[in-house]
N, C-alpha and C. Protein backbone atom coordinates (compact mmCIF):
# COMPACT_ATOMS: atom_id res chain seq x y z
N MET A 1 -47.61 -25.44 92.51
CA MET A 1 -48.80 -25.02 92.34
C MET A 1 -50.20 -25.80 92.22
N LYS A 2 -51.28 -26.11 93.58
CA LYS A 2 -52.51 -26.53 93.08
C LYS A 2 -53.57 -25.77 92.41
N VAL A 3 -54.07 -26.50 91.24
CA VAL A 3 -55.38 -26.24 91.07
C VAL A 3 -56.46 -26.58 90.86
N LYS A 4 -57.75 -26.52 91.42
CA LYS A 4 -58.83 -26.72 91.95
C LYS A 4 -59.77 -26.91 91.03
N THR A 5 -60.50 -27.76 90.74
CA THR A 5 -60.93 -28.19 89.47
C THR A 5 -62.24 -29.30 89.90
N SER A 6 -62.59 -29.60 89.19
CA SER A 6 -64.01 -30.45 89.73
C SER A 6 -64.32 -31.63 88.45
N VAL A 7 -64.15 -33.15 88.89
CA VAL A 7 -65.23 -34.07 87.72
C VAL A 7 -65.94 -35.10 88.43
N THR A 8 -66.59 -35.28 87.32
CA THR A 8 -67.35 -36.23 87.82
C THR A 8 -67.46 -37.93 87.34
N LEU A 9 -67.72 -38.70 88.18
CA LEU A 9 -66.78 -40.15 89.13
C LEU A 9 -68.16 -40.85 88.93
N ALA A 10 -68.00 -41.88 88.63
CA ALA A 10 -68.98 -43.14 88.74
C ALA A 10 -69.37 -43.21 90.22
N GLU A 11 -70.33 -43.72 91.10
CA GLU A 11 -70.70 -43.69 92.36
C GLU A 11 -69.87 -44.67 93.27
N GLU A 12 -69.47 -45.60 92.23
CA GLU A 12 -69.39 -47.51 92.94
C GLU A 12 -67.30 -46.91 92.87
N LEU A 13 -67.08 -46.58 91.77
CA LEU A 13 -65.28 -45.50 91.97
C LEU A 13 -65.23 -44.43 93.08
N VAL A 14 -66.18 -43.79 92.84
CA VAL A 14 -65.76 -43.07 94.20
C VAL A 14 -66.09 -43.81 95.16
N ARG A 15 -66.00 -44.65 96.24
CA ARG A 15 -66.64 -45.83 96.92
C ARG A 15 -65.04 -46.46 96.71
N GLU A 16 -65.02 -46.95 96.51
CA GLU A 16 -63.75 -47.54 95.94
C GLU A 16 -62.35 -47.13 96.58
N MET A 17 -62.30 -45.01 95.92
CA MET A 17 -61.58 -43.95 96.01
C MET A 17 -61.62 -43.81 97.79
N ASP A 18 -62.71 -43.87 98.40
CA ASP A 18 -62.45 -43.79 99.48
C ASP A 18 -62.03 -44.54 100.66
N GLN A 19 -61.74 -46.07 99.79
CA GLN A 19 -61.60 -47.22 100.80
C GLN A 19 -60.26 -46.99 100.64
N LEU A 20 -59.23 -46.33 99.81
CA LEU A 20 -57.81 -46.31 99.85
C LEU A 20 -57.74 -45.00 100.00
N SER A 21 -58.51 -43.57 100.01
CA SER A 21 -57.56 -42.53 99.94
C SER A 21 -56.84 -42.18 101.17
N ASP A 22 -57.37 -43.10 102.27
CA ASP A 22 -56.48 -43.23 103.25
C ASP A 22 -54.71 -43.12 103.76
N ARG A 23 -55.09 -44.24 102.63
CA ARG A 23 -53.02 -44.60 102.09
C ARG A 23 -52.87 -43.32 101.56
N PHE A 24 -53.55 -42.70 101.25
CA PHE A 24 -52.80 -40.99 99.67
C PHE A 24 -52.88 -40.07 100.74
N GLY A 25 -53.74 -39.59 101.84
CA GLY A 25 -53.91 -38.81 102.78
C GLY A 25 -55.40 -38.20 102.52
N ASN A 26 -56.04 -38.35 101.39
CA ASN A 26 -57.19 -38.13 100.98
C ASN A 26 -57.61 -38.28 99.58
N ARG A 27 -58.65 -37.98 99.45
CA ARG A 27 -59.03 -38.29 97.80
C ARG A 27 -58.02 -37.99 97.14
N SER A 28 -57.79 -36.17 97.21
CA SER A 28 -57.70 -35.30 96.02
C SER A 28 -56.07 -36.32 95.95
N ALA A 29 -55.42 -36.06 96.57
CA ALA A 29 -53.78 -36.94 97.18
C ALA A 29 -53.85 -38.29 96.08
N LEU A 30 -55.32 -39.09 95.70
CA LEU A 30 -55.56 -40.55 95.70
C LEU A 30 -55.36 -40.16 94.32
N VAL A 31 -56.01 -39.31 93.99
CA VAL A 31 -56.93 -39.08 92.20
C VAL A 31 -55.17 -38.53 91.83
N GLU A 32 -54.45 -37.44 92.20
CA GLU A 32 -53.57 -37.00 91.77
C GLU A 32 -52.35 -38.14 91.72
N GLN A 33 -52.26 -38.77 92.66
CA GLN A 33 -50.91 -39.87 92.51
C GLN A 33 -51.44 -40.38 91.07
N ALA A 34 -52.85 -41.16 91.35
CA ALA A 34 -53.23 -41.47 89.74
C ALA A 34 -53.13 -41.24 88.62
N VAL A 35 -53.37 -39.75 88.61
CA VAL A 35 -52.98 -39.42 87.17
C VAL A 35 -51.56 -39.20 86.96
N ARG A 36 -50.90 -39.63 87.71
CA ARG A 36 -49.73 -39.31 87.98
C ARG A 36 -49.03 -40.43 87.43
N SER A 37 -49.46 -41.55 87.90
CA SER A 37 -48.67 -42.63 87.58
C SER A 37 -49.09 -43.38 85.76
N PHE A 38 -50.78 -42.94 85.30
CA PHE A 38 -50.87 -43.10 84.81
C PHE A 38 -51.07 -42.29 82.96
N LEU A 39 -50.18 -40.93 83.49
CA LEU A 39 -49.17 -40.36 82.71
C LEU A 39 -47.75 -40.23 82.18
N ALA A 40 -47.61 -41.10 83.47
CA ALA A 40 -45.94 -42.01 83.40
C ALA A 40 -46.30 -42.95 82.52
N ALA A 41 -47.05 -43.82 82.74
CA ALA A 41 -47.20 -45.06 81.80
C ALA A 41 -47.94 -44.58 80.10
N GLU A 42 -48.10 -43.61 80.18
CA GLU A 42 -48.91 -43.55 78.40
C GLU A 42 -47.49 -42.19 78.05
N ARG A 43 -46.69 -41.98 79.25
CA ARG A 43 -45.38 -41.28 78.28
C ARG A 43 -43.89 -43.15 78.07
N GLN A 44 -43.90 -43.65 78.73
CA GLN A 44 -43.67 -45.40 78.69
C GLN A 44 -43.65 -45.91 77.23
N ARG A 45 -45.05 -45.87 77.56
CA ARG A 45 -45.79 -46.42 75.92
C ARG A 45 -45.56 -45.60 75.18
N ALA A 46 -45.21 -44.35 74.68
CA ALA A 46 -44.89 -43.22 73.96
C ALA A 46 -43.14 -43.50 73.20
N ARG A 47 -42.89 -44.10 74.41
CA ARG A 47 -41.44 -44.11 74.29
C ARG A 47 -40.94 -45.51 73.80
N ASP A 48 -41.94 -46.16 74.78
CA ASP A 48 -42.25 -48.22 73.49
C ASP A 48 -42.52 -47.93 72.27
N ALA A 49 -43.57 -47.43 71.24
CA ALA A 49 -43.56 -47.26 70.61
C ALA A 49 -42.96 -46.76 69.44
N LYS A 50 -42.77 -45.44 70.07
CA LYS A 50 -41.13 -45.09 69.59
C LYS A 50 -39.64 -45.32 68.94
N ASP A 51 -39.52 -46.66 70.02
CA ASP A 51 -38.99 -47.65 70.06
C ASP A 51 -38.72 -48.96 68.86
N LEU A 52 -39.64 -49.32 69.02
CA LEU A 52 -40.54 -50.46 68.17
C LEU A 52 -41.12 -49.96 66.76
N GLU A 53 -40.57 -48.52 66.69
CA GLU A 53 -40.77 -48.24 64.90
C GLU A 53 -39.49 -47.90 64.54
N ILE A 54 -38.71 -47.96 65.35
CA ILE A 54 -36.82 -47.75 65.11
C ILE A 54 -36.71 -48.73 64.62
N LEU A 55 -36.95 -49.45 65.71
CA LEU A 55 -36.44 -51.61 65.52
C LEU A 55 -37.17 -52.17 64.07
N ASN A 56 -38.72 -51.89 63.88
CA ASN A 56 -39.12 -52.60 62.48
C ASN A 56 -39.22 -51.33 60.93
N ARG A 57 -38.24 -50.16 61.60
CA ARG A 57 -37.59 -49.45 59.95
C ARG A 57 -36.45 -50.27 59.84
N LYS A 58 -35.18 -50.00 60.59
CA LYS A 58 -34.23 -51.23 60.97
C LYS A 58 -34.27 -52.82 60.66
N ALA A 59 -35.47 -53.48 60.89
CA ALA A 59 -35.69 -54.59 61.52
C ALA A 59 -34.38 -55.50 59.81
N ALA A 60 -35.01 -54.92 59.16
CA ALA A 60 -34.14 -56.05 57.41
C ALA A 60 -32.80 -55.62 57.73
N LYS A 61 -32.14 -54.95 57.97
CA LYS A 61 -30.87 -54.37 58.54
C LYS A 61 -30.30 -55.16 59.77
N LEU A 62 -30.78 -55.45 60.76
CA LEU A 62 -30.52 -55.92 62.36
C LEU A 62 -30.24 -57.47 61.46
N ASN A 63 -31.69 -57.97 60.91
CA ASN A 63 -30.87 -59.44 60.80
C ASN A 63 -30.62 -60.06 59.54
N LYS A 64 -29.79 -58.97 58.66
CA LYS A 64 -28.54 -59.42 57.94
C LYS A 64 -27.12 -59.17 59.12
N GLU A 65 -27.28 -58.22 59.23
CA GLU A 65 -26.54 -58.41 60.66
C GLU A 65 -26.32 -59.32 61.61
N ALA A 66 -27.56 -59.68 61.50
CA ALA A 66 -27.17 -61.12 63.12
C ALA A 66 -27.33 -61.90 62.12
N GLN A 67 -27.64 -62.18 61.13
CA GLN A 67 -27.26 -63.66 59.95
C GLN A 67 -25.66 -63.46 60.07
N ASP A 68 -24.98 -62.39 59.44
CA ASP A 68 -23.75 -62.26 58.93
C ASP A 68 -23.23 -62.68 60.49
N VAL A 69 -23.57 -62.87 61.72
CA VAL A 69 -22.44 -62.88 62.72
C VAL A 69 -22.07 -64.48 63.20
N LEU A 70 -23.81 -65.02 62.73
CA LEU A 70 -24.05 -66.56 63.37
C LEU A 70 -23.13 -67.17 62.12
N ALA A 71 -22.62 -66.57 61.22
CA ALA A 71 -22.40 -67.42 60.29
C ALA A 71 -20.76 -67.38 60.69
N TYR A 72 -20.39 -66.79 61.55
CA TYR A 72 -18.72 -67.05 61.80
C TYR A 72 -18.78 -68.12 63.07
N GLN A 73 -19.55 -68.18 63.26
CA GLN A 73 -19.72 -68.39 64.90
C GLN A 73 -19.50 -69.97 64.36
N VAL A 74 -19.44 -71.14 65.54
CA VAL A 74 -18.17 -72.51 65.29
C VAL A 74 -19.09 -73.40 66.04
N GLU A 75 -19.57 -74.54 65.42
CA GLU A 75 -21.14 -75.52 65.54
C GLU A 75 -19.42 -76.31 66.89
N LEU A 76 -20.75 -76.83 68.40
CA LEU A 76 -19.43 -77.04 69.34
C LEU A 76 -20.29 -78.34 68.91
């Protein structure tokens, strides 16, 4: 279901949007695609931040395990 809304944008932004809108069908389709892309990127950033937090929290243990594994390697 589509919901009609109103936004206020800078004039130059609207001009640029209009230059691209034919590729997306119309201005509304371009804005919808842009917002979908932005939201997907934000979700990815949130997942990346969560993963980084987990890695940082476990870094000492992971580094210790890596050092242990490296100690078993044979020099070539």
